[in-house]
Amino acid sequence: MKIFSVRSIVFLSMMTAISVVLRQAFLGIPNFQLMTAFFFVMIVFWGIPNSLFVMTLSLIITGFFNGFGPWIGAQIIDYALFMLLWSILQKRFKNLWLQSVITGGLSFFYGLLISFLTAPFFSVTNFWVFYFQGVHFDCIHAAATMIGYPILFKVFERISEMNTKYNNAI
């Protein structure tokens, strides 16, 4: 896919829109974010540059809906680090269920790192108390990623097959 072709811009826009909808759809369930699984699956099928672009744009757009703050920058840094790590790990693990567990684990540790990055903005005196007060949200985030990853993987796999069948339209 050429970097700035009309086709690539439309594709990245559609992926960003899907990502935003996945985040907003489950807003009523605290930290149940299929957006993370979406980013991890996108890496497998469309690579890290496209995934990082979609992630950054998705977080900025959802900031308009959910509010901006210092956490947006921290989320972009945090996601970028874990997405780069996943881009390396996913090549070593081909079993879908094992990939789901690993992405769930990465999502859990995302919570640890985001807490570490945002704690100074909230004048936290004891980081571990701050972190453990929200660890159940990290568990929900990890569970959502583990549940969503294989589902989204199968959807992307089908899209990728259709793309191959129709001469790499995307």
Protein backbone atom coordinates (compact mmCIF):
# COMPACT_ATOMS: atom_id res chain seq x y z
CA MET A 1 0.00 0.00 0.00
CA LYS A 2 1.46 3.36 -1.03
CA ILE A 3 1.76 5.73 1.88
CA PHE A 4 -0.40 8.61 0.64
CA SER A 5 -2.55 7.06 -2.05
CA VAL A 6 -6.27 7.73 -1.92
CA ARG A 7 -6.83 4.04 -1.20
CA SER A 8 -4.48 4.08 1.81
CA ILE A 9 -6.02 7.28 3.21
CA VAL A 10 -9.51 5.80 2.93
CA PHE A 11 -8.34 2.53 4.50
CA LEU A 12 -6.63 4.26 7.44
CA SER A 13 -9.66 6.51 7.93
CA MET A 14 -11.97 3.50 8.04
CA MET A 15 -9.71 1.69 10.51
CA THR A 16 -9.61 4.81 12.69
CA ALA A 17 -13.40 5.10 12.61
CA ILE A 18 -13.79 1.44 13.58
CA SER A 19 -11.33 1.89 16.42
CA VAL A 20 -13.17 4.94 17.76
CA VAL A 21 -16.50 3.11 17.58
CA LEU A 22 -15.02 0.10 19.42
CA ARG A 23 -13.88 2.39 22.22
CA GLN A 24 -17.13 4.32 22.47
CA ALA A 25 -19.37 1.24 22.19
CA PHE A 26 -18.31 -0.15 25.56
CA LEU A 27 -17.91 3.14 27.39
CA GLY A 28 -20.50 2.06 29.98
CA ILE A 29 -18.28 -0.81 31.12
CA PRO A 30 -15.25 0.73 32.83
CA ASN A 31 -12.03 -0.05 30.96
CA PHE A 32 -13.64 -2.67 28.69
CA GLN A 33 -11.78 -1.58 25.57
CA LEU A 34 -11.76 -3.63 22.40
CA MET A 35 -9.69 -0.86 20.88
CA THR A 36 -6.53 -2.40 22.33
CA ALA A 37 -7.26 -5.78 20.76
CA PHE A 38 -8.01 -3.94 17.51
CA PHE A 39 -4.56 -2.31 17.52
CA PHE A 40 -2.82 -5.61 18.24
CA VAL A 41 -4.71 -7.43 15.48
CA MET A 42 -4.07 -4.60 13.05
CA ILE A 43 -0.32 -5.03 13.59
CA VAL A 44 -0.53 -8.68 12.52
CA PHE A 45 -2.32 -7.92 9.25
CA TRP A 46 -1.28 -4.38 8.27
CA GLY A 47 1.98 -3.71 10.07
CA ILE A 48 3.24 -1.36 12.72
CA PRO A 49 3.33 1.95 10.78
CA ASN A 50 -0.37 1.78 9.85
CA SER A 51 -1.27 0.60 13.34
CA LEU A 52 0.63 3.40 15.07
CA PHE A 53 -1.02 5.97 12.80
CA VAL A 54 -4.51 4.60 13.51
CA MET A 55 -3.78 4.40 17.24
CA THR A 56 -2.59 8.00 17.47
CA LEU A 57 -5.49 9.37 15.47
CA SER A 58 -8.01 7.22 17.39
CA LEU A 59 -6.80 8.46 20.76
CA ILE A 60 -6.92 12.08 19.64
CA ILE A 61 -10.44 11.67 18.24
CA THR A 62 -11.74 9.85 21.32
CA GLY A 63 -10.22 12.68 23.35
CA PHE A 64 -12.80 14.97 21.74
CA PHE A 65 -15.57 12.71 23.07
CA ASN A 66 -14.13 11.68 26.42
CA GLY A 67 -12.03 14.70 27.34
CA PHE A 68 -8.44 15.74 26.83
CA GLY A 69 -5.82 15.71 29.51
CA PRO A 70 -2.25 14.70 30.14
CA TRP A 71 -3.31 11.06 29.86
CA ILE A 72 -3.74 11.34 26.07
CA GLY A 73 0.01 11.84 25.57
CA ALA A 74 0.73 9.11 28.11
CA GLN A 75 -1.66 6.75 26.32
CA ILE A 76 0.00 7.39 22.97
CA ILE A 77 3.45 6.67 24.44
CA ASP A 78 2.18 3.63 26.34
CA TYR A 79 0.31 2.13 23.39
CA ALA A 80 3.26 2.78 21.07
CA LEU A 81 5.63 0.90 23.37
CA PHE A 82 3.33 -2.09 23.78
CA MET A 83 2.45 -2.13 20.08
CA LEU A 84 6.16 -2.16 19.16
CA LEU A 85 6.69 -5.00 21.62
CA TRP A 86 3.74 -6.92 20.16
CA SER A 87 5.06 -6.40 16.62
CA ILE A 88 8.16 -8.34 17.70
CA LEU A 89 6.38 -10.99 19.80
CA GLN A 90 3.56 -11.81 17.35
CA LYS A 91 6.06 -13.27 14.87
CA ARG A 92 7.16 -15.86 17.43
CA PHE A 93 3.73 -17.05 18.57
CA LYS A 94 1.41 -18.42 15.89
CA ASN A 95 -1.22 -20.03 18.13
CA LEU A 96 -4.26 -17.71 18.26
CA TRP A 97 -5.16 -18.57 21.86
CA LEU A 98 -1.60 -18.03 23.04
CA GLN A 99 -1.59 -14.70 21.21
CA SER A 100 -4.81 -13.79 23.04
CA VAL A 101 -3.23 -14.54 26.41
CA ILE A 102 -0.09 -12.56 25.55
CA THR A 103 -2.07 -9.54 24.33
CA GLY A 104 -4.16 -9.74 27.51
CA GLY A 105 -0.94 -9.69 29.54
CA LEU A 106 0.36 -6.72 27.55
CA SER A 107 -2.93 -4.92 28.20
CA PHE A 108 -2.57 -5.58 31.92
CA PHE A 109 0.95 -4.13 31.95
CA TYR A 110 -0.32 -1.21 29.87
CA GLY A 111 -2.31 -0.30 32.99
CA LEU A 112 0.81 -0.40 35.14
CA LEU A 113 2.75 1.83 32.78
CA ILE A 114 -0.11 4.29 32.24
CA SER A 115 -0.48 4.59 36.03
CA PHE A 116 3.24 5.26 36.32
CA LEU A 117 3.14 7.90 33.57
CA THR A 118 0.04 9.69 34.87
CA ALA A 119 0.69 9.52 38.64
CA PRO A 120 2.79 12.72 38.70
CA PHE A 121 -0.11 14.69 37.20
CA PHE A 122 -2.31 13.74 40.15
CA SER A 123 0.23 14.55 42.90
CA VAL A 124 0.37 10.92 44.00
CA THR A 125 2.51 10.41 47.09
CA ASN A 126 2.46 6.61 47.11
CA PHE A 127 2.50 5.10 43.63
CA TRP A 128 1.63 1.54 44.71
CA VAL A 129 -1.48 2.63 46.60
CA PHE A 130 -2.53 4.62 43.52
CA TYR A 131 -1.87 1.64 41.25
CA PHE A 132 -3.58 -1.02 43.36
CA GLN A 133 -6.70 1.12 43.71
CA GLY A 134 -7.20 0.69 39.96
CA VAL A 135 -5.77 -2.77 39.33
CA HIS A 136 -9.23 -4.27 38.88
CA PHE A 137 -9.69 -1.94 35.88
CA ASP A 138 -6.47 -3.35 34.43
CA CYS A 139 -7.90 -6.85 34.87
CA ILE A 140 -11.05 -5.83 32.97
CA HIS A 141 -8.91 -4.28 30.23
CA ALA A 142 -6.85 -7.47 29.95
CA ALA A 143 -9.99 -9.64 29.85
CA ALA A 144 -11.55 -7.47 27.13
CA THR A 145 -8.39 -7.76 25.05
CA MET A 146 -8.24 -11.53 25.53
CA ILE A 147 -11.90 -11.87 24.51
CA GLY A 148 -11.76 -9.41 21.64
CA TYR A 149 -8.46 -10.47 20.10
CA PRO A 150 -9.53 -13.84 18.61
CA ILE A 151 -12.85 -12.40 17.40
CA LEU A 152 -11.22 -9.41 15.70
CA PHE A 153 -8.43 -11.65 14.39
CA LYS A 154 -10.96 -13.83 12.55
CA VAL A 155 -12.68 -10.75 11.12
CA PHE A 156 -9.37 -9.29 9.93
CA GLU A 157 -8.31 -12.68 8.58
CA ARG A 158 -11.44 -12.76 6.41
CA ILE A 159 -10.87 -9.20 5.21
CA SER A 160 -7.27 -10.06 4.39
CA GLU A 161 -8.39 -13.13 2.41
CA MET A 162 -10.88 -11.04 0.45
CA ASN A 163 -8.18 -8.43 -0.15
CA THR A 164 -5.90 -11.11 -1.61
CA LYS A 165 -8.72 -12.53 -3.70
CA TYR A 166 -9.52 -9.14 -5.21
CA ASN A 167 -5.94 -8.20 -6.11
CA ASN A 168 -4.87 -6.36 -2.97
CA ALA A 169 -7.47 -3.64 -3.05
CA ILE A 170 -6.35 -2.37 0.35
